[in-house]
Structure formats: C-alpha cells, structure tokens
N, C-alpha and C. Protein backbone atom coordinates (compact mmCIF):
# COMPACT_ATOMS: atom_id res chain seq x y z
N MET A 1 -30.54 -8.24 24.80
CA MET A 1 -30.46 -8.09 23.39
C MET A 1 -30.23 -8.51 22.16
N LEU A 2 -30.36 -9.40 21.38
CA LEU A 2 -29.53 -10.12 20.67
C LEU A 2 -28.73 -9.39 19.28
N ARG A 3 -27.46 -8.84 18.88
CA ARG A 3 -26.90 -8.26 18.01
C ARG A 3 -26.41 -9.07 17.47
N LYS A 4 -26.46 -8.63 15.67
CA LYS A 4 -25.47 -9.19 14.57
C LYS A 4 -24.49 -9.56 14.60
N ALA A 5 -23.10 -10.40 14.14
CA ALA A 5 -22.20 -9.78 14.26
C ALA A 5 -20.98 -8.84 12.83
N VAL A 6 -20.72 -8.31 13.42
CA VAL A 6 -20.09 -7.19 12.28
C VAL A 6 -19.00 -8.14 11.54
N VAL A 7 -18.57 -8.41 10.33
CA VAL A 7 -17.80 -9.03 9.41
C VAL A 7 -16.98 -7.71 8.48
N GLY A 8 -15.64 -7.86 9.14
CA GLY A 8 -14.68 -6.97 8.66
C GLY A 8 -13.25 -7.79 7.61
N ALA A 9 -13.17 -7.56 6.57
CA ALA A 9 -12.38 -8.08 5.88
C ALA A 9 -11.74 -6.53 4.62
N ALA A 10 -10.54 -7.28 4.64
CA ALA A 10 -9.72 -6.29 3.97
C ALA A 10 -8.56 -7.17 2.33
N CYS A 11 -8.21 -6.41 1.42
CA CYS A 11 -7.36 -6.59 0.56
C CYS A 11 -8.01 -8.30 -0.23
N CYS A 12 -7.29 -9.20 0.18
CA CYS A 12 -7.93 -10.63 -0.13
C CYS A 12 -9.20 -11.33 0.15
N ARG A 13 -8.90 -11.43 1.64
CA ARG A 13 -10.22 -11.75 2.85
C ARG A 13 -11.15 -12.04 2.61
N PRO A 14 -11.64 -11.19 1.39
CA PRO A 14 -13.48 -11.42 1.80
C PRO A 14 -13.45 -12.56 0.26
N ALA A 15 -12.55 -13.19 0.03
CA ALA A 15 -12.48 -14.36 -0.30
C ALA A 15 -12.91 -15.63 0.21
N ASP A 16 -12.92 -15.42 1.83
CA ASP A 16 -13.57 -16.41 2.34
C ASP A 16 -15.00 -16.14 2.50
N LEU A 17 -15.71 -15.08 1.96
CA LEU A 17 -17.48 -15.22 2.10
C LEU A 17 -17.65 -15.34 0.59
N LEU A 18 -16.97 -15.66 -0.58
CA LEU A 18 -17.46 -16.16 -1.77
C LEU A 18 -18.19 -17.33 -1.57
N SER A 19 -17.73 -18.79 -0.29
CA SER A 19 -18.51 -19.59 -0.36
C SER A 19 -19.96 -19.46 0.62
N ALA A 20 -19.82 -18.49 1.26
CA ALA A 20 -20.89 -18.63 2.59
C ALA A 20 -22.13 -18.63 1.33
N ARG A 21 -23.15 -19.70 1.99
CA ARG A 21 -24.48 -19.44 1.58
C ARG A 21 -25.81 -19.32 2.15
N ARG A 22 -27.31 -18.70 1.99
CA ARG A 22 -27.77 -18.12 2.31
C ARG A 22 -28.74 -19.62 2.38
N PRO A 23 -29.94 -19.99 3.63
CA PRO A 23 -30.19 -20.97 3.82
C PRO A 23 -30.93 -21.92 2.35
N ALA A 24 -31.51 -20.71 1.11
CA ALA A 24 -31.96 -21.52 0.03
C ALA A 24 -30.67 -21.72 -0.90
N GLY A 25 -29.19 -21.71 -0.23
CA GLY A 25 -28.46 -21.82 -1.04
C GLY A 25 -27.79 -20.24 -2.26
N SER A 26 -28.70 -19.21 -2.30
CA SER A 26 -27.65 -18.20 -2.58
C SER A 26 -26.83 -17.50 -1.86
N PRO A 27 -25.54 -17.24 -2.93
CA PRO A 27 -24.64 -16.32 -2.37
C PRO A 27 -24.80 -15.39 -1.26
N ARG A 28 -23.81 -15.21 -0.29
CA ARG A 28 -24.56 -14.31 1.03
C ARG A 28 -23.82 -12.99 0.35
N ILE A 29 -22.76 -12.81 -0.25
CA ILE A 29 -22.37 -12.12 -0.89
C ILE A 29 -22.81 -11.31 -2.18
N ALA A 30 -24.01 -12.29 -2.69
CA ALA A 30 -25.19 -11.32 -3.35
C ALA A 30 -25.49 -10.07 -3.30
N ILE A 31 -25.40 -9.14 -3.81
CA ILE A 31 -26.00 -7.72 -3.94
C ILE A 31 -25.47 -6.95 -3.12
N ARG A 32 -24.42 -7.28 -2.21
CA ARG A 32 -23.75 -6.76 -1.58
C ARG A 32 -22.27 -5.91 -1.71
N ARG A 33 -22.54 -4.26 -1.40
CA ARG A 33 -21.10 -3.82 -1.60
C ARG A 33 -19.99 -4.05 -0.93
N VAL A 34 -18.70 -4.47 -2.10
CA VAL A 34 -17.64 -5.24 -1.22
C VAL A 34 -16.13 -4.73 -2.06
N LYS A 35 -15.79 -4.27 -1.12
CA LYS A 35 -14.26 -3.76 -1.74
C LYS A 35 -13.51 -5.17 -1.59
N VAL A 36 -12.53 -5.63 -2.98
CA VAL A 36 -11.29 -5.96 -2.71
C VAL A 36 -10.41 -5.70 -3.42
N PHE A 37 -9.08 -6.75 -3.49
CA PHE A 37 -7.79 -6.41 -4.28
C PHE A 37 -8.32 -6.77 -5.59
N ALA A 38 -8.39 -5.47 -6.34
CA ALA A 38 -9.03 -4.96 -7.65
C ALA A 38 -7.78 -5.59 -8.93
N ARG A 39 -8.49 -6.00 -9.50
CA ARG A 39 -7.77 -6.54 -11.12
C ARG A 39 -6.48 -5.99 -11.17
N ALA A 40 -6.49 -4.69 -11.45
CA ALA A 40 -5.91 -3.41 -11.75
C ALA A 40 -4.09 -3.58 -10.64
N GLU A 41 -4.99 -3.63 -9.10
CA GLU A 41 -4.00 -3.96 -8.41
C GLU A 41 -3.30 -4.75 -8.56
N GLU A 42 -3.53 -6.16 -8.57
CA GLU A 42 -2.91 -7.74 -9.21
C GLU A 42 -1.96 -7.29 -9.52
N ALA A 43 -2.60 -6.49 -11.02
CA ALA A 43 -1.40 -6.56 -12.40
C ALA A 43 -0.87 -5.45 -11.94
N ALA A 44 -0.49 -4.59 -11.29
CA ALA A 44 0.22 -3.64 -10.46
C ALA A 44 1.44 -4.25 -9.86
N ALA A 45 0.85 -5.40 -9.38
CA ALA A 45 1.76 -6.07 -7.97
C ALA A 45 2.28 -7.15 -8.54
N GLY A 46 2.01 -7.14 -10.05
CA GLY A 46 2.53 -8.73 -10.43
C GLY A 46 2.33 -9.89 -10.24
N MET A 47 1.07 -9.68 -10.19
CA MET A 47 0.21 -11.25 -9.20
C MET A 47 -0.87 -11.70 -10.20
N ASN A 48 -1.07 -10.90 -11.10
CA ASN A 48 -1.87 -11.19 -12.14
C ASN A 48 -2.21 -13.14 -12.14
N SER A 49 -1.07 -13.29 -12.78
CA SER A 49 -0.77 -14.75 -13.34
C SER A 49 -0.49 -15.56 -12.52
N VAL A 50 -0.10 -15.32 -11.06
CA VAL A 50 -0.22 -15.80 -9.87
C VAL A 50 -1.05 -16.60 -9.05
N VAL A 51 -1.68 -15.85 -9.04
CA VAL A 51 -2.71 -16.32 -8.07
C VAL A 51 -3.81 -17.16 -8.53
N PRO A 52 -4.46 -17.75 -8.07
CA PRO A 52 -5.34 -19.15 -8.49
C PRO A 52 -6.43 -18.68 -9.23
N PHE A 53 -6.63 -17.10 -8.64
CA PHE A 53 -7.94 -16.47 -9.76
C PHE A 53 -8.29 -14.81 -9.18
N LEU A 54 -8.89 -14.14 -10.02
CA LEU A 54 -8.85 -12.60 -9.61
C LEU A 54 -10.30 -12.72 -9.07
N LEU A 55 -9.77 -12.17 -7.49
CA LEU A 55 -10.75 -12.07 -6.62
C LEU A 55 -11.99 -10.85 -7.45
N GLU A 56 -11.42 -9.82 -7.64
CA GLU A 56 -12.43 -8.94 -8.73
C GLU A 56 -13.78 -9.71 -9.59
N ASP A 57 -12.69 -10.80 -10.34
CA ASP A 57 -13.88 -11.42 -11.11
C ASP A 57 -14.83 -12.22 -10.55
N ARG A 58 -13.99 -13.10 -9.19
CA ARG A 58 -15.01 -13.78 -8.50
C ARG A 58 -16.41 -13.10 -7.54
N LEU A 59 -16.30 -12.18 -7.19
CA LEU A 59 -16.89 -10.82 -6.82
C LEU A 59 -18.12 -10.98 -7.81
N HIS A 60 -17.62 -10.50 -8.91
CA HIS A 60 -19.10 -10.36 -9.88
C HIS A 60 -19.48 -11.50 -10.52
N ALA A 61 -18.85 -12.76 -10.32
CA ALA A 61 -19.86 -14.24 -10.48
C ALA A 61 -20.92 -14.49 -9.48
N THR A 62 -20.21 -14.00 -8.84
CA THR A 62 -21.47 -14.10 -7.51
C THR A 62 -22.28 -12.96 -7.18
N GLY A 63 -22.34 -12.12 -7.49
CA GLY A 63 -23.10 -11.10 -7.52
C GLY A 63 -23.23 -9.90 -6.70
N GLY A 64 -21.98 -10.16 -6.86
CA GLY A 64 -21.18 -9.16 -5.62
C GLY A 64 -21.42 -7.62 -6.19
N LYS A 65 -21.40 -6.88 -5.27
CA LYS A 65 -20.86 -5.17 -5.99
C LYS A 65 -19.69 -4.40 -6.09
N PHE A 66 -19.01 -4.70 -6.75
CA PHE A 66 -17.54 -4.60 -6.89
C PHE A 66 -17.47 -2.94 -6.57
N GLU A 67 -16.55 -2.35 -5.61
CA GLU A 67 -15.94 -1.24 -5.69
C GLU A 67 -14.98 -0.77 -5.42
N SER A 68 -14.11 0.08 -6.43
CA SER A 68 -13.17 0.23 -6.58
C SER A 68 -12.88 1.96 -6.39
N SER A 69 -11.73 2.28 -5.55
CA SER A 69 -11.51 3.75 -5.11
C SER A 69 -10.21 3.76 -6.22
N GLY A 70 -9.68 2.75 -6.87
CA GLY A 70 -8.43 3.48 -7.36
C GLY A 70 -7.10 2.23 -7.02
N VAL A 71 -6.06 2.18 -7.69
CA VAL A 71 -4.90 1.19 -7.10
C VAL A 71 -4.53 1.81 -6.03
N PHE A 72 -4.84 1.00 -4.93
CA PHE A 72 -3.58 0.92 -3.71
C PHE A 72 -4.45 2.17 -2.58
N ALA A 73 -5.40 2.94 -3.21
CA ALA A 73 -5.67 3.52 -2.28
C ALA A 73 -6.81 3.27 -0.96
N ARG A 74 -6.64 4.23 -0.42
CA ARG A 74 -6.89 3.21 1.31
C ARG A 74 -8.62 3.58 1.06
N CYS A 75 -9.29 2.73 1.14
CA CYS A 75 -10.72 2.81 1.69
C CYS A 75 -11.79 1.58 1.64
N VAL A 76 -12.73 2.08 2.20
CA VAL A 76 -13.62 0.93 3.02
C VAL A 76 -14.87 1.06 2.48
N ALA A 77 -15.62 -0.07 2.35
CA ALA A 77 -17.17 0.00 1.42
C ALA A 77 -17.89 -0.64 3.41
N VAL A 78 -19.22 0.27 3.53
CA VAL A 78 -19.92 -0.36 4.57
C VAL A 78 -21.23 -0.74 4.10
N ASP A 79 -21.55 -2.26 4.14
CA ASP A 79 -22.89 -2.60 3.81
C ASP A 79 -23.41 -2.88 4.91
N GLY A 80 -24.60 -2.27 5.83
CA GLY A 80 -24.78 -2.84 7.36
C GLY A 80 -23.33 -3.67 7.47
N ALA A 81 -23.98 -4.83 8.52
CA ALA A 81 -22.65 -5.39 9.13
C ALA A 81 -21.40 -5.52 8.33
N LEU A 82 -21.15 -6.01 7.25
CA LEU A 82 -20.67 -6.29 6.70
C LEU A 82 -19.44 -5.05 6.06
N ILE A 83 -18.12 -4.83 6.49
CA ILE A 83 -16.97 -3.89 6.32
C ILE A 83 -15.86 -4.13 5.89
N THR A 84 -16.12 -3.87 4.52
CA THR A 84 -14.59 -4.49 3.26
C THR A 84 -12.95 -3.47 2.97
N GLY A 85 -12.35 -3.54 2.97
CA GLY A 85 -11.44 -2.89 2.44
C GLY A 85 -10.49 -3.56 1.14
N GLN A 86 -9.89 -2.24 0.24
CA GLN A 86 -9.74 -3.06 -0.76
C GLN A 86 -8.72 -3.56 -1.07
N ASN A 87 -7.41 -2.79 0.02
CA ASN A 87 -5.97 -3.66 -0.13
C ASN A 87 -5.59 -3.51 1.67
N PRO A 88 -4.45 -3.60 1.36
CA PRO A 88 -3.63 -4.03 2.69
C PRO A 88 -3.49 -2.38 3.88
N ALA A 89 -3.25 -1.30 2.92
CA ALA A 89 -3.83 0.20 3.38
C ALA A 89 -4.66 0.30 3.51
N SER A 90 -6.18 -0.69 3.67
CA SER A 90 -7.48 -0.05 3.86
C SER A 90 -7.58 -0.68 5.10
N SER A 91 -7.05 -1.79 6.06
CA SER A 91 -7.21 -2.05 7.25
C SER A 91 -7.01 -1.49 8.30
N THR A 92 -7.06 -0.33 8.29
CA THR A 92 -7.09 0.64 9.57
C THR A 92 -8.23 1.27 9.29
N VAL A 93 -8.87 1.60 8.09
CA VAL A 93 -9.99 1.60 8.04
C VAL A 93 -11.72 0.86 8.02
N VAL A 94 -10.76 -0.39 7.96
CA VAL A 94 -12.31 -1.56 8.02
C VAL A 94 -12.28 -1.19 9.62
N ALA A 95 -11.21 -1.00 10.16
CA ALA A 95 -11.00 -1.45 11.32
C ALA A 95 -11.84 -0.25 12.36
N GLU A 96 -12.09 1.14 11.78
CA GLU A 96 -12.45 1.97 12.35
C GLU A 96 -13.84 2.10 11.91
N ALA A 97 -14.00 1.26 11.23
CA ALA A 97 -15.56 0.92 10.64
C ALA A 97 -16.29 0.24 11.67
N MET A 98 -15.45 -1.04 11.90
CA MET A 98 -15.97 -1.93 12.45
C MET A 98 -16.44 -1.31 13.92
N VAL A 99 -15.49 -0.52 14.47
CA VAL A 99 -15.91 0.15 15.57
C VAL A 99 -16.83 0.69 15.77
N ARG A 100 -16.87 1.97 15.01
CA ARG A 100 -17.76 2.55 14.89
C ARG A 100 -19.79 1.78 14.53
N HIS A 101 -19.54 0.74 14.31
CA HIS A 101 -20.31 -0.32 13.49
C HIS A 101 -21.01 -0.70 15.16
N LEU A 102 -20.06 -1.25 15.95
CA LEU A 102 -20.25 -1.93 17.31
C LEU A 102 -20.91 -0.74 18.06
N ARG A 103 -19.95 0.45 18.04
CA ARG A 103 -20.68 1.68 18.87
C ARG A 103 -22.40 2.28 18.53
N GLU A 104 -22.46 2.20 17.09
CA GLU A 104 -23.99 2.56 16.71
C GLU A 104 -24.70 1.14 17.75
N GLN A 105 -23.87 -0.41 17.71
CA GLN A 105 -25.09 -0.78 17.58
C GLN A 105 -25.52 -0.95 19.30
N GLN A 106 -24.16 -0.42 20.46
CA GLN A 106 -24.17 -0.59 21.40
C GLN A 106 -25.41 0.42 22.04
N ARG A 107 -25.50 1.74 21.05
CA ARG A 107 -26.76 2.51 21.61
C ARG A 107 -28.12 2.60 21.21
N GLN A 108 -27.69 1.39 20.75
CA GLN A 108 -29.10 0.77 20.16
C GLN A 108 -30.31 0.36 20.73
C-alpha cells in the first residue's frame, strides 16, 4: 500500500514549506494549521530586527492558519501529515506526534 510521507518541523523550519506549491501554483501551506516561531517570541529573543522576515507574518501572507500557544510554550499542531511545533522546546512533542502518525498509518 502506498503511504504518504509525514512532514515535521519546529521553530523556524516551517519556513522551508513557504515556497512549496501545488501543481496549480497555490501554496501547499495555505489553509493548513501551522505552529511557527511567533512574532512575540522573536521580540522576546531580541531577534525581530535581525531576522530577514517574521515567519508568522509570512505564514499569514501565504494563507496558512497560524496557531500560537503562548511565548515559548511547548506545543504542536497536527494537520494531517503536517506536524509543526512553535519553538525549539516543541521539538520533542513534534517527534512524538510524528511517531504516532506513522504508527496509525501502519495499522491502516
């Protein structure tokens, strides 16, 4: 049986998904629930004037559904096979969610 891949990313890594397009040209991230390093976290880390763009803003611009769980909160968003975490503290919960997703696929 053909299985879809699971994609996991935390903190600023979901930026890699911004340029991914569907065959018709629309962003793959559009209308997907995604957690990324938030504007408030960039500011708290003193990075909002250092980074080339604020990921939360870019996500909104591409039609993604940004979800925040608070500054530096450990959290995960699962939208099908797309699993994202808000910040570095979320890496473990992203990995755990990816393993659960893969195990569920095995049972099907």
